[in-house]
Every structure is written in structure tokens, then in C-alpha cells.
């Protein structure tokens, strides 16, 4: 999780909203990539979960964008995707060819925990009260997202997850 060229002490509310929207967009795109990978590898349960997470990120991003539009209309963004990397998106190395639903959910939980840590670390560096309130709100939302994922994990049957070797192709002569 990294950000570049963002001075949290001078961050305006518009920039903070733009940053939050970009974080959601990045996470949505990564979950969608993972969903497609899981479909390709015939792990439909993990694909379905990543699809749910992509839709959740899209919904949250749309809510933030609506808020931003209401406050700042068509003002151009001053924060770009080049300024952040993996703030909430699951790490690329989280994806496995044959992920179980539990593994998919645990990857999502780690991503939500990572996003929460980002906002918690940023809050003390923020001087603008409105930005501080937004980031505090986002901290709480990340905790709520973690709880939702934990509830999904709790619904899973106990026992071992699928063994990736169950999906391995038998060796063939060249």
C-alpha cells in the first residue's frame, strides 16, 4: 500500500473524496480481475465472491462520487491513480489458480484490513476538519466491511479447503 506526492496535511475535501473514489475504483478493478481469473480456472465459488466484492467496491465508489459531484460538480481531479497503489485492492500475489471460497474471503479480509490501516495512519496527519471527518468515516466503513467478510467466512462449512492438487493436470509425455 503506497501513496506518492500526497501531503495529507494540506489535503482538501475535494482531493480526499477524489482519493477515496480512486481507491474504490482500484479495488473494484482488482476484484474483477480476480473474478475473471477464477472463472478461467473453474473455481466458480471464489469467482462469485470476488464478483460480490467488485460490486461492493463499485457501489461505495459511486456513493463517494455522488457526494463529490454534489459538493464540487465538475471540478477537475487533482489526485490521480498514479499517486496510489494497492491501498484497498488485494495484493496481486493473493490470487491462486484454484482458490477456495475461504481463501478468496481471507484475501478480501486482508484487503479491507489494509484499507483500514491506511485511513487510520492518515488521520493524524490531516489538518482539515472536513477531511479528518471523511477519513474517520472511511475508517469505520472499512471495519464494517471487515465484519461483513467475517460473517461470510463464518457461514462456510468447517473443514479443509479444496486442495489445489485436486485440480492439477496429470503429467503428459512431451
N, C-alpha and C. Protein backbone atom coordinates (compact mmCIF):
# COMPACT_ATOMS: atom_id res chain seq x y z
N UNK A 1 0.86 -1.16 0.00
CA UNK A 1 0.00 0.00 0.00
C UNK A 1 0.90 1.22 0.00
N UNK A 2 0.74 2.02 -1.02
CA UNK A 2 1.56 3.21 -1.10
C UNK A 2 0.77 4.37 -1.70
N UNK A 3 1.21 5.55 -1.34
CA UNK A 3 0.73 6.77 -1.98
C UNK A 3 1.96 7.61 -2.27
N UNK A 4 1.89 8.36 -3.35
CA UNK A 4 3.00 9.22 -3.74
C UNK A 4 2.50 10.65 -3.93
N UNK A 5 3.29 11.59 -3.49
CA UNK A 5 3.00 13.01 -3.71
C UNK A 5 1.68 13.45 -3.11
N UNK A 6 1.25 12.82 -2.04
CA UNK A 6 0.04 13.26 -1.35
C UNK A 6 0.46 13.77 0.02
N UNK A 7 0.24 15.04 0.23
CA UNK A 7 0.53 15.66 1.52
C UNK A 7 -0.78 15.71 2.29
N UNK A 8 -0.95 14.80 3.23
CA UNK A 8 -2.20 14.71 3.96
C UNK A 8 -2.49 15.96 4.79
N UNK A 9 -1.45 16.69 5.14
CA UNK A 9 -1.66 17.89 5.95
C UNK A 9 -2.31 19.02 5.15
N UNK A 10 -2.21 18.97 3.83
CA UNK A 10 -2.81 20.02 3.00
C UNK A 10 -3.95 19.49 2.13
N UNK A 11 -4.35 18.27 2.32
CA UNK A 11 -5.39 17.64 1.51
C UNK A 11 -6.72 18.36 1.69
N UNK A 12 -7.33 18.76 0.59
CA UNK A 12 -8.65 19.41 0.63
C UNK A 12 -9.72 18.33 0.63
N UNK A 13 -10.95 18.70 0.93
CA UNK A 13 -12.04 17.74 0.92
C UNK A 13 -12.25 17.18 -0.49
N UNK A 14 -12.15 18.04 -1.48
CA UNK A 14 -12.29 17.55 -2.86
C UNK A 14 -11.22 16.50 -3.17
N UNK A 15 -9.98 16.79 -2.81
CA UNK A 15 -8.89 15.84 -3.07
C UNK A 15 -9.09 14.56 -2.27
N UNK A 16 -9.56 14.68 -1.05
CA UNK A 16 -9.80 13.50 -0.23
C UNK A 16 -10.88 12.62 -0.83
N UNK A 17 -11.95 13.23 -1.32
CA UNK A 17 -13.00 12.46 -1.99
C UNK A 17 -12.47 11.82 -3.27
N UNK A 18 -11.70 12.57 -4.03
CA UNK A 18 -11.11 12.01 -5.25
C UNK A 18 -10.21 10.82 -4.92
N UNK A 19 -9.42 10.95 -3.88
CA UNK A 19 -8.55 9.86 -3.45
C UNK A 19 -9.38 8.65 -3.04
N UNK A 20 -10.41 8.86 -2.26
CA UNK A 20 -11.26 7.75 -1.81
C UNK A 20 -11.94 7.07 -2.99
N UNK A 21 -12.39 7.84 -3.96
CA UNK A 21 -13.02 7.26 -5.16
C UNK A 21 -12.01 6.42 -5.93
N UNK A 22 -10.81 6.94 -6.11
CA UNK A 22 -9.77 6.20 -6.83
C UNK A 22 -9.40 4.90 -6.11
N UNK A 23 -9.38 4.93 -4.80
CA UNK A 23 -9.09 3.73 -4.01
C UNK A 23 -10.16 2.67 -4.27
N UNK A 24 -11.42 3.10 -4.29
CA UNK A 24 -12.52 2.16 -4.56
C UNK A 24 -12.44 1.63 -5.98
N UNK A 25 -12.13 2.48 -6.94
CA UNK A 25 -12.02 2.05 -8.33
C UNK A 25 -10.91 1.02 -8.50
N UNK A 26 -9.77 1.27 -7.86
CA UNK A 26 -8.65 0.33 -7.96
C UNK A 26 -9.05 -1.02 -7.37
N UNK A 27 -9.70 -1.02 -6.22
CA UNK A 27 -10.12 -2.27 -5.59
C UNK A 27 -11.15 -2.99 -6.46
N UNK A 28 -12.10 -2.24 -7.01
CA UNK A 28 -13.11 -2.85 -7.88
C UNK A 28 -12.44 -3.55 -9.07
N UNK A 29 -11.51 -2.86 -9.70
CA UNK A 29 -10.82 -3.43 -10.86
C UNK A 29 -10.04 -4.69 -10.49
N UNK A 30 -9.38 -4.69 -9.34
CA UNK A 30 -8.60 -5.86 -8.93
C UNK A 30 -9.52 -7.04 -8.65
N UNK A 31 -10.63 -6.79 -7.94
CA UNK A 31 -11.58 -7.87 -7.68
C UNK A 31 -12.15 -8.43 -8.98
N UNK A 32 -12.38 -7.55 -9.93
CA UNK A 32 -12.90 -8.00 -11.22
C UNK A 32 -11.85 -8.85 -11.94
N UNK A 33 -10.59 -8.45 -11.88
CA UNK A 33 -9.51 -9.26 -12.45
C UNK A 33 -9.48 -10.64 -11.79
N UNK A 34 -9.58 -10.67 -10.47
CA UNK A 34 -9.56 -11.94 -9.75
C UNK A 34 -10.77 -12.80 -10.12
N UNK A 35 -11.94 -12.15 -10.27
CA UNK A 35 -13.14 -12.90 -10.66
C UNK A 35 -12.91 -13.60 -11.99
N UNK A 36 -12.37 -12.87 -12.94
CA UNK A 36 -12.12 -13.45 -14.26
C UNK A 36 -11.09 -14.58 -14.19
N UNK A 37 -10.06 -14.40 -13.37
CA UNK A 37 -9.06 -15.46 -13.21
C UNK A 37 -9.69 -16.72 -12.63
N UNK A 38 -10.54 -16.55 -11.64
CA UNK A 38 -11.17 -17.72 -11.00
C UNK A 38 -12.13 -18.42 -11.97
N UNK A 39 -12.82 -17.65 -12.80
CA UNK A 39 -13.67 -18.27 -13.81
C UNK A 39 -12.83 -19.07 -14.79
N UNK A 40 -11.70 -18.50 -15.20
CA UNK A 40 -10.80 -19.17 -16.12
C UNK A 40 -10.30 -20.49 -15.54
N UNK A 41 -10.08 -20.52 -14.23
CA UNK A 41 -9.56 -21.71 -13.56
C UNK A 41 -10.65 -22.60 -12.97
N UNK A 42 -11.87 -22.33 -13.35
CA UNK A 42 -13.01 -23.18 -12.95
C UNK A 42 -13.17 -23.28 -11.44
N UNK A 43 -13.06 -22.16 -10.77
CA UNK A 43 -13.34 -22.09 -9.34
C UNK A 43 -14.48 -21.08 -9.16
N UNK A 44 -15.70 -21.53 -9.46
CA UNK A 44 -16.83 -20.60 -9.52
C UNK A 44 -17.20 -19.97 -8.18
N UNK A 45 -16.99 -20.66 -7.07
CA UNK A 45 -17.36 -20.07 -5.78
C UNK A 45 -16.46 -18.88 -5.46
N UNK A 46 -15.16 -19.03 -5.69
CA UNK A 46 -14.24 -17.91 -5.46
C UNK A 46 -14.54 -16.79 -6.45
N UNK A 47 -14.83 -17.14 -7.71
CA UNK A 47 -15.17 -16.13 -8.72
C UNK A 47 -16.40 -15.35 -8.29
N UNK A 48 -17.40 -16.05 -7.81
CA UNK A 48 -18.64 -15.39 -7.38
C UNK A 48 -18.37 -14.43 -6.22
N UNK A 49 -17.55 -14.85 -5.27
CA UNK A 49 -17.25 -13.97 -4.14
C UNK A 49 -16.50 -12.72 -4.61
N UNK A 50 -15.52 -12.89 -5.49
CA UNK A 50 -14.79 -11.73 -5.99
C UNK A 50 -15.73 -10.81 -6.77
N UNK A 51 -16.72 -11.38 -7.45
CA UNK A 51 -17.71 -10.56 -8.13
C UNK A 51 -18.52 -9.73 -7.15
N UNK A 52 -18.89 -10.33 -6.03
CA UNK A 52 -19.62 -9.60 -4.98
C UNK A 52 -18.76 -8.45 -4.47
N UNK A 53 -17.50 -8.72 -4.22
CA UNK A 53 -16.61 -7.67 -3.71
C UNK A 53 -16.44 -6.55 -4.74
N UNK A 54 -16.33 -6.90 -6.02
CA UNK A 54 -16.21 -5.87 -7.06
C UNK A 54 -17.45 -4.98 -7.07
N UNK A 55 -18.63 -5.59 -6.96
CA UNK A 55 -19.86 -4.80 -6.94
C UNK A 55 -19.94 -3.92 -5.69
N UNK A 56 -19.49 -4.44 -4.55
CA UNK A 56 -19.48 -3.64 -3.32
C UNK A 56 -18.57 -2.42 -3.46
N UNK A 57 -17.39 -2.62 -4.03
CA UNK A 57 -16.46 -1.51 -4.22
C UNK A 57 -17.04 -0.50 -5.20
N UNK A 58 -17.69 -0.98 -6.26
CA UNK A 58 -18.31 -0.08 -7.24
C UNK A 58 -19.42 0.74 -6.59
N UNK A 59 -20.21 0.09 -5.75
CA UNK A 59 -21.30 0.79 -5.07
C UNK A 59 -20.76 1.87 -4.14
N UNK A 60 -19.74 1.53 -3.37
CA UNK A 60 -19.16 2.51 -2.46
C UNK A 60 -18.51 3.65 -3.24
N UNK A 61 -17.83 3.33 -4.32
CA UNK A 61 -17.22 4.36 -5.16
C UNK A 61 -18.27 5.29 -5.75
N UNK A 62 -19.40 4.72 -6.17
CA UNK A 62 -20.49 5.54 -6.74
C UNK A 62 -21.08 6.46 -5.68
N UNK A 63 -21.20 5.98 -4.45
CA UNK A 63 -21.71 6.82 -3.37
C UNK A 63 -20.77 8.00 -3.11
N UNK A 64 -19.48 7.70 -3.10
CA UNK A 64 -18.49 8.77 -2.89
C UNK A 64 -18.49 9.74 -4.07
N UNK A 65 -18.64 9.24 -5.28
CA UNK A 65 -18.66 10.09 -6.47
C UNK A 65 -19.89 11.00 -6.47
N UNK A 66 -21.01 10.47 -6.01
CA UNK A 66 -22.23 11.29 -5.92
C UNK A 66 -22.02 12.42 -4.92
N UNK A 67 -21.39 12.09 -3.82
CA UNK A 67 -21.10 13.09 -2.80
C UNK A 67 -20.16 14.16 -3.34
N UNK A 68 -19.14 13.72 -4.05
CA UNK A 68 -18.16 14.63 -4.64
C UNK A 68 -18.84 15.53 -5.67
N UNK A 69 -19.68 14.94 -6.52
CA UNK A 69 -20.37 15.72 -7.54
C UNK A 69 -21.29 16.77 -6.91
N UNK A 70 -21.95 16.40 -5.84
CA UNK A 70 -22.84 17.33 -5.15
C UNK A 70 -22.07 18.53 -4.61
N UNK A 71 -20.89 18.26 -4.07
CA UNK A 71 -20.09 19.33 -3.45
C UNK A 71 -19.24 20.12 -4.44
N UNK A 72 -18.71 19.43 -5.45
CA UNK A 72 -17.69 20.06 -6.31
C UNK A 72 -18.01 20.01 -7.80
N UNK A 73 -19.17 19.51 -8.15
CA UNK A 73 -19.64 19.44 -9.54
C UNK A 73 -18.56 18.88 -10.46
N UNK A 74 -18.19 19.65 -11.46
CA UNK A 74 -17.26 19.17 -12.48
C UNK A 74 -15.82 19.62 -12.26
N UNK A 75 -15.49 20.02 -11.07
CA UNK A 75 -14.12 20.45 -10.79
C UNK A 75 -13.15 19.32 -11.15
N UNK A 76 -12.07 19.63 -11.85
CA UNK A 76 -11.14 18.57 -12.26
C UNK A 76 -10.44 17.91 -11.06
N UNK A 77 -10.15 16.65 -11.23
CA UNK A 77 -9.40 15.92 -10.19
C UNK A 77 -7.97 16.41 -10.14
N UNK A 78 -7.46 16.52 -8.93
CA UNK A 78 -6.04 16.86 -8.74
C UNK A 78 -5.28 15.66 -8.18
N UNK A 79 -6.00 14.60 -7.90
CA UNK A 79 -5.40 13.35 -7.42
C UNK A 79 -5.57 12.34 -8.55
N UNK A 80 -4.52 11.59 -8.85
CA UNK A 80 -4.58 10.61 -9.94
C UNK A 80 -4.25 9.21 -9.44
N UNK A 81 -4.57 8.23 -10.25
CA UNK A 81 -4.25 6.84 -9.91
C UNK A 81 -2.75 6.63 -9.76
N UNK A 82 -1.97 7.42 -10.45
CA UNK A 82 -0.51 7.29 -10.35
C UNK A 82 -0.02 7.62 -8.95
N UNK A 83 -0.86 8.25 -8.14
CA UNK A 83 -0.47 8.66 -6.80
C UNK A 83 -0.77 7.60 -5.75
N UNK A 84 -1.38 6.48 -6.16
CA UNK A 84 -1.67 5.43 -5.18
C UNK A 84 -1.47 4.06 -5.79
N UNK A 85 -1.27 3.09 -4.91
CA UNK A 85 -1.09 1.71 -5.35
C UNK A 85 -1.50 0.78 -4.22
N UNK A 86 -2.44 -0.09 -4.50
CA UNK A 86 -2.84 -1.16 -3.58
C UNK A 86 -3.26 -0.67 -2.20
N UNK A 87 -3.99 0.43 -2.14
CA UNK A 87 -4.45 0.91 -0.84
C UNK A 87 -5.51 -0.03 -0.29
N UNK A 88 -6.49 -0.38 -1.11
CA UNK A 88 -7.53 -1.32 -0.68
C UNK A 88 -7.58 -2.57 -1.55
N UNK A 89 -7.02 -2.50 -2.72
CA UNK A 89 -7.05 -3.65 -3.62
C UNK A 89 -6.25 -4.80 -3.02
N UNK A 90 -6.75 -6.02 -3.18
CA UNK A 90 -5.95 -7.16 -2.73
C UNK A 90 -4.62 -7.19 -3.48
N UNK A 91 -3.61 -7.67 -2.83
CA UNK A 91 -2.30 -7.78 -3.47
C UNK A 91 -2.41 -8.76 -4.65
N UNK A 92 -1.67 -8.49 -5.72
CA UNK A 92 -1.72 -9.38 -6.88
C UNK A 92 -1.35 -10.81 -6.52
N UNK A 93 -0.41 -11.00 -5.59
CA UNK A 93 0.01 -12.36 -5.26
C UNK A 93 -1.00 -13.10 -4.39
N UNK A 94 -2.13 -12.47 -4.07
CA UNK A 94 -3.19 -13.15 -3.32
C UNK A 94 -3.92 -14.16 -4.19
N UNK A 95 -3.98 -13.91 -5.49
CA UNK A 95 -4.73 -14.79 -6.39
C UNK A 95 -3.98 -16.10 -6.59
N UNK A 96 -4.72 -17.17 -6.53
CA UNK A 96 -4.19 -18.51 -6.78
C UNK A 96 -5.04 -19.14 -7.87
N UNK A 97 -4.44 -20.00 -8.65
CA UNK A 97 -5.18 -20.62 -9.75
C UNK A 97 -6.45 -21.31 -9.26
N UNK A 98 -6.38 -21.96 -8.14
CA UNK A 98 -7.53 -22.72 -7.65
C UNK A 98 -7.82 -22.32 -6.21
N UNK A 99 -8.47 -21.18 -6.06
CA UNK A 99 -8.77 -20.66 -4.73
C UNK A 99 -10.09 -21.22 -4.23
N UNK A 100 -10.10 -21.54 -2.97
CA UNK A 100 -11.36 -21.92 -2.34
C UNK A 100 -12.11 -20.65 -1.96
N UNK A 101 -13.40 -20.76 -1.68
CA UNK A 101 -14.13 -19.58 -1.21
C UNK A 101 -13.48 -18.99 0.05
N UNK A 102 -13.01 -19.84 0.96
CA UNK A 102 -12.36 -19.35 2.18
C UNK A 102 -11.12 -18.54 1.85
N UNK A 103 -10.31 -19.04 0.94
CA UNK A 103 -9.10 -18.31 0.56
C UNK A 103 -9.45 -16.97 -0.09
N UNK A 104 -10.49 -16.95 -0.91
CA UNK A 104 -10.93 -15.70 -1.54
C UNK A 104 -11.38 -14.71 -0.47
N UNK A 105 -12.15 -15.20 0.48
CA UNK A 105 -12.66 -14.32 1.53
C UNK A 105 -11.55 -13.83 2.44
N UNK A 106 -10.57 -14.67 2.71
CA UNK A 106 -9.45 -14.23 3.53
C UNK A 106 -8.61 -13.18 2.81
N UNK A 107 -8.47 -13.31 1.49
CA UNK A 107 -7.77 -12.28 0.71
C UNK A 107 -8.52 -10.95 0.80
N UNK A 108 -9.84 -11.01 0.69
CA UNK A 108 -10.66 -9.80 0.79
C UNK A 108 -10.56 -9.19 2.18
N UNK A 109 -10.56 -10.03 3.20
CA UNK A 109 -10.44 -9.52 4.57
C UNK A 109 -9.11 -8.80 4.77
N UNK A 110 -8.04 -9.38 4.25
CA UNK A 110 -6.73 -8.71 4.36
C UNK A 110 -6.75 -7.36 3.63
N UNK A 111 -7.43 -7.28 2.49
CA UNK A 111 -7.52 -6.02 1.75
C UNK A 111 -8.29 -4.97 2.54
N UNK A 112 -9.38 -5.39 3.18
CA UNK A 112 -10.17 -4.46 4.00
C UNK A 112 -9.37 -3.99 5.21
N UNK A 113 -8.60 -4.88 5.81
CA UNK A 113 -7.75 -4.52 6.94
C UNK A 113 -6.67 -3.54 6.50
N UNK A 114 -6.13 -3.76 5.31
CA UNK A 114 -5.10 -2.88 4.76
C UNK A 114 -5.67 -1.47 4.53
N UNK A 115 -6.89 -1.40 3.99
CA UNK A 115 -7.52 -0.09 3.76
C UNK A 115 -7.77 0.63 5.08
N UNK A 116 -8.23 -0.11 6.07
CA UNK A 116 -8.46 0.48 7.39
C UNK A 116 -7.16 1.05 7.94
N UNK A 117 -6.09 0.29 7.83
CA UNK A 117 -4.79 0.75 8.33
C UNK A 117 -4.34 2.02 7.60
N UNK A 118 -4.62 2.10 6.31
CA UNK A 118 -4.27 3.29 5.54
C UNK A 118 -4.97 4.52 6.11
N UNK A 119 -6.28 4.42 6.29
CA UNK A 119 -7.04 5.58 6.78
C UNK A 119 -6.67 5.92 8.22
N UNK A 120 -6.44 4.92 9.05
CA UNK A 120 -6.03 5.17 10.44
C UNK A 120 -4.69 5.92 10.47
N UNK A 121 -3.76 5.50 9.61
CA UNK A 121 -2.45 6.15 9.58
C UNK A 121 -2.54 7.57 9.03
N UNK A 122 -3.48 7.83 8.14
CA UNK A 122 -3.60 9.16 7.53
C UNK A 122 -4.24 10.18 8.47
N UNK A 123 -5.20 9.75 9.27
CA UNK A 123 -5.98 10.69 10.09
C UNK A 123 -5.11 11.63 10.93
N UNK A 124 -4.09 11.15 11.65
CA UNK A 124 -3.31 12.09 12.47
C UNK A 124 -2.55 13.14 11.66
N UNK A 125 -2.33 12.89 10.38
CA UNK A 125 -1.57 13.83 9.54
C UNK A 125 -2.48 14.86 8.88
N UNK A 126 -3.79 14.71 9.02
CA UNK A 126 -4.76 15.59 8.37
C UNK A 126 -5.04 16.80 9.27
N UNK A 127 -5.05 17.98 8.66
CA UNK A 127 -5.32 19.20 9.43
C UNK A 127 -6.73 19.75 9.17
N UNK A 128 -7.29 19.49 7.99
CA UNK A 128 -8.61 19.99 7.64
C UNK A 128 -9.68 19.15 8.35
N UNK A 129 -10.57 19.82 9.06
CA UNK A 129 -11.59 19.11 9.86
C UNK A 129 -12.53 18.27 9.00
N UNK A 130 -12.92 18.77 7.84
CA UNK A 130 -13.84 18.02 6.97
C UNK A 130 -13.15 16.78 6.40
N UNK A 131 -11.88 16.89 6.07
CA UNK A 131 -11.12 15.75 5.56
C UNK A 131 -10.93 14.72 6.67
N UNK A 132 -10.62 15.21 7.86
CA UNK A 132 -10.45 14.32 9.01
C UNK A 132 -11.76 13.57 9.28
N UNK A 133 -12.88 14.26 9.19
CA UNK A 133 -14.19 13.62 9.41
C UNK A 133 -14.46 12.56 8.33
N UNK A 134 -14.13 12.88 7.08
CA UNK A 134 -14.32 11.91 6.00
C UNK A 134 -13.47 10.67 6.22
N UNK A 135 -12.19 10.86 6.52
CA UNK A 135 -11.30 9.71 6.70
C UNK A 135 -11.69 8.90 7.94
N UNK A 136 -12.17 9.56 8.98
CA UNK A 136 -12.66 8.85 10.16
C UNK A 136 -13.87 8.01 9.79
N UNK A 137 -14.76 8.57 8.98
CA UNK A 137 -15.93 7.84 8.49
C UNK A 137 -15.49 6.63 7.65
N UNK A 138 -14.49 6.83 6.79
CA UNK A 138 -14.00 5.74 5.95
C UNK A 138 -13.34 4.64 6.80
N UNK A 139 -12.68 5.03 7.88
CA UNK A 139 -12.11 4.04 8.81
C UNK A 139 -13.22 3.13 9.34
N UNK A 140 -14.31 3.75 9.78
CA UNK A 140 -15.43 2.99 10.32
C UNK A 140 -16.06 2.09 9.27
N UNK A 141 -16.16 2.59 8.04
CA UNK A 141 -16.73 1.77 6.96
C UNK A 141 -15.86 0.57 6.66
N UNK A 142 -14.55 0.74 6.73
CA UNK A 142 -13.66 -0.40 6.49
C UNK A 142 -13.84 -1.46 7.57
N UNK A 143 -14.07 -1.05 8.80
CA UNK A 143 -14.35 -2.01 9.86
C UNK A 143 -15.66 -2.75 9.56
N UNK A 144 -16.67 -2.01 9.09
CA UNK A 144 -17.94 -2.64 8.72
C UNK A 144 -17.74 -3.65 7.59
N UNK A 145 -16.91 -3.30 6.62
CA UNK A 145 -16.63 -4.21 5.51
C UNK A 145 -15.92 -5.47 6.02
N UNK A 146 -15.00 -5.29 6.97
CA UNK A 146 -14.33 -6.46 7.56
C UNK A 146 -15.34 -7.38 8.23
N UNK A 147 -16.28 -6.78 8.95
CA UNK A 147 -17.29 -7.58 9.64
C UNK A 147 -18.16 -8.35 8.65
N UNK A 148 -18.51 -7.73 7.53
CA UNK A 148 -19.29 -8.42 6.51
C UNK A 148 -18.54 -9.63 5.95
N UNK A 149 -17.26 -9.45 5.69
CA UNK A 149 -16.46 -10.56 5.17
C UNK A 149 -16.33 -11.65 6.22
N UNK A 150 -16.13 -11.27 7.47
CA UNK A 150 -16.03 -12.27 8.55
C UNK A 150 -17.32 -13.06 8.68
N UNK A 151 -18.46 -12.41 8.50
CA UNK A 151 -19.74 -13.12 8.55
C UNK A 151 -19.84 -14.14 7.42
N UNK A 152 -19.34 -13.78 6.25
CA UNK A 152 -19.36 -14.71 5.12
C UNK A 152 -18.44 -15.90 5.40
N UNK A 153 -17.29 -15.63 5.99
CA UNK A 153 -16.36 -16.71 6.34
C UNK A 153 -17.02 -17.65 7.35
N UNK A 154 -17.73 -17.07 8.32
CA UNK A 154 -18.39 -17.87 9.35
C UNK A 154 -19.48 -18.78 8.77
N UNK A 155 -20.04 -18.42 7.64
CA UNK A 155 -21.08 -19.24 7.01
C UNK A 155 -20.52 -20.48 6.32
N UNK A 156 -19.21 -20.48 6.08
CA UNK A 156 -18.60 -21.60 5.38
C UNK A 156 -18.59 -22.85 6.25
N UNK A 157 -18.74 -24.00 5.64
CA UNK A 157 -18.67 -25.23 6.44
C UNK A 157 -17.26 -25.42 6.99
N UNK A 158 -17.16 -26.00 8.18
CA UNK A 158 -15.82 -26.27 8.71
C UNK A 158 -15.15 -27.37 7.88
N UNK A 159 -13.87 -27.41 7.98
CA UNK A 159 -13.16 -28.48 7.29
C UNK A 159 -12.13 -27.92 6.35
N UNK A 160 -11.39 -28.82 5.75
CA UNK A 160 -10.30 -28.37 4.87
C UNK A 160 -10.87 -27.76 3.59
N UNK A 161 -10.14 -26.78 3.10
CA UNK A 161 -10.50 -26.20 1.81
C UNK A 161 -10.06 -27.16 0.72
N UNK A 162 -10.46 -26.86 -0.48
CA UNK A 162 -10.06 -27.69 -1.61
C UNK A 162 -8.54 -27.69 -1.74
N UNK A 163 -8.01 -28.83 -2.09
CA UNK A 163 -6.58 -28.97 -2.29
C UNK A 163 -6.26 -28.62 -3.74
N UNK A 164 -5.34 -27.69 -3.99
CA UNK A 164 -5.02 -27.33 -5.37
C UNK A 164 -4.60 -28.52 -6.22
N UNK A 165 -4.04 -29.55 -5.58
CA UNK A 165 -3.64 -30.74 -6.33
C UNK A 165 -4.85 -31.46 -6.93
N UNK A 166 -6.05 -31.23 -6.37
CA UNK A 166 -7.24 -31.83 -6.93
C UNK A 166 -7.51 -31.33 -8.34
N UNK A 167 -6.96 -30.16 -8.67
CA UNK A 167 -7.21 -29.56 -9.97
C UNK A 167 -6.04 -29.71 -10.93
N UNK A 168 -4.95 -30.26 -10.48
CA UNK A 168 -3.75 -30.34 -11.29
C UNK A 168 -3.94 -31.34 -12.42
N UNK A 169 -3.40 -31.00 -13.57
CA UNK A 169 -3.43 -31.92 -14.70
C UNK A 169 -2.38 -32.99 -14.50
N UNK A 170 -2.67 -34.17 -14.95
CA UNK A 170 -1.70 -35.24 -14.89
C UNK A 170 -0.56 -34.94 -15.84
N UNK A 171 0.67 -35.34 -15.48
CA UNK A 171 1.79 -35.10 -16.38
C UNK A 171 1.60 -35.89 -17.68
N UNK A 172 2.04 -35.29 -18.76
CA UNK A 172 1.95 -35.98 -20.05
C UNK A 172 3.30 -35.99 -20.71
N UNK A 173 3.49 -36.98 -21.55
CA UNK A 173 4.77 -37.10 -22.28
C UNK A 173 4.85 -35.97 -23.29
N UNK A 174 6.04 -35.50 -23.49
CA UNK A 174 6.26 -34.42 -24.47
C UNK A 174 6.56 -34.98 -25.81
